[in-house]
């Protein structure tokens, strides 16, 4: 018995996506991702994203708390890997301060 395509395709997509999930580093759940440059006005840039890793984990490693994503989105979905700049906004301590 074969499954209809409308059932098999979402199932396959779900299986593929679960294999790509990266565990979050401690504190990464507090990192905010924005696509609005005004959200990082007055913040300090601490580094650029590497496209191969979770942007929130990278932000924590760089001492940042906001990711300004500069990649393209279609319908709210990232097209390609995340690219952008990590910022420290507010009074988040840097790794050296911890």
Protein backbone atom coordinates (compact mmCIF):
# COMPACT_ATOMS: atom_id res chain seq x y z
CA UNK A 1 0.00 0.00 0.00
CA UNK A 2 1.42 3.39 -0.93
CA UNK A 3 0.91 6.60 0.99
CA UNK A 4 -0.52 9.65 -0.72
CA UNK A 5 2.04 12.37 -1.50
CA UNK A 6 0.27 14.88 0.76
CA UNK A 7 1.12 12.62 3.73
CA UNK A 8 4.56 11.38 2.69
CA UNK A 9 6.11 14.75 1.82
CA UNK A 10 5.51 16.45 5.21
CA UNK A 11 6.66 13.27 6.96
CA UNK A 12 9.90 13.21 4.97
CA UNK A 13 10.48 16.94 5.55
CA UNK A 14 9.99 16.46 9.30
CA UNK A 15 12.49 13.62 9.41
CA UNK A 16 15.08 15.64 7.52
CA UNK A 17 14.66 18.67 9.77
CA UNK A 18 14.96 16.72 13.01
CA UNK A 19 18.38 15.49 11.90
CA UNK A 20 19.59 19.09 11.55
CA UNK A 21 18.64 20.37 15.00
CA UNK A 22 21.61 21.67 17.02
CA UNK A 23 21.33 21.64 20.81
CA UNK A 24 21.33 25.13 22.30
CA UNK A 25 24.24 26.30 24.42
CA UNK A 26 23.42 27.60 27.91
CA UNK A 27 21.96 31.08 27.53
CA UNK A 28 21.25 30.71 23.80
CA UNK A 29 17.52 30.58 24.45
CA UNK A 30 17.78 34.22 25.61
CA UNK A 31 19.31 35.41 22.30
CA UNK A 32 16.95 37.36 20.08
CA UNK A 33 17.06 37.17 16.27
CA UNK A 34 15.92 40.29 14.40
CA UNK A 35 15.72 41.41 10.78
CA UNK A 36 15.24 45.07 11.69
CA UNK A 37 18.38 47.24 11.78
CA UNK A 38 16.69 49.66 14.18
CA UNK A 39 16.65 46.91 16.83
CA UNK A 40 20.47 46.99 17.06
CA UNK A 41 20.95 50.77 16.84
CA UNK A 42 23.14 51.74 19.79
CA UNK A 43 24.36 48.18 20.34
CA UNK A 44 27.94 46.94 20.00
CA UNK A 45 28.81 44.57 17.15
CA UNK A 46 30.82 41.62 18.49
CA UNK A 47 31.23 39.44 15.40
CA UNK A 48 29.86 37.97 12.19
CA UNK A 49 27.89 34.75 11.94
CA UNK A 50 29.47 31.66 10.45
CA UNK A 51 26.83 30.12 8.19
CA UNK A 52 27.30 26.55 9.43
CA UNK A 53 26.25 26.80 13.09
CA UNK A 54 23.17 27.82 15.08
CA UNK A 55 23.16 31.64 15.21
CA UNK A 56 22.04 31.76 18.84
CA UNK A 57 24.89 29.49 19.95
CA UNK A 58 27.36 31.67 18.04
CA UNK A 59 25.95 34.80 19.68
CA UNK A 60 26.54 33.34 23.14
CA UNK A 61 30.09 32.35 22.19
CA UNK A 62 30.80 35.89 20.99
CA UNK A 63 29.28 37.50 24.09
CA UNK A 64 26.25 38.84 22.23
CA UNK A 65 22.54 38.71 22.88
CA UNK A 66 21.01 39.83 19.56
CA UNK A 67 21.51 38.45 16.05
CA UNK A 68 20.83 40.85 13.19
CA UNK A 69 20.05 38.44 10.36
CA UNK A 70 20.95 39.81 6.94
CA UNK A 71 19.93 36.84 4.80
CA UNK A 72 16.84 36.56 2.65
CA UNK A 73 13.50 35.35 3.95
CA UNK A 74 10.50 34.16 1.98
CA UNK A 75 7.26 33.83 3.91
CA UNK A 76 9.13 34.04 7.23
CA UNK A 77 11.44 31.13 6.32
CA UNK A 78 15.22 31.50 5.98
CA UNK A 79 16.48 30.85 2.46
CA UNK A 80 19.97 29.39 2.85
CA UNK A 81 22.08 29.48 6.02
CA UNK A 82 21.83 32.32 8.50
CA UNK A 83 24.13 35.22 7.77
CA UNK A 84 24.40 38.37 9.80
CA UNK A 85 26.07 40.17 12.66
CA UNK A 86 26.00 39.43 16.39
CA UNK A 87 25.45 42.39 18.72
CA UNK A 88 25.64 42.97 22.46
CA UNK A 89 22.76 45.19 23.51
CA UNK A 90 22.09 46.42 27.01
CA UNK A 91 24.18 45.28 29.94
CA UNK A 92 25.01 41.68 28.97
CA UNK A 93 28.45 40.75 30.34
CA UNK A 94 31.13 39.73 27.86
CA UNK A 95 32.73 36.27 28.21
CA UNK A 96 35.80 37.94 29.79
CA UNK A 97 33.55 39.57 32.44
CA UNK A 98 32.02 36.28 33.57
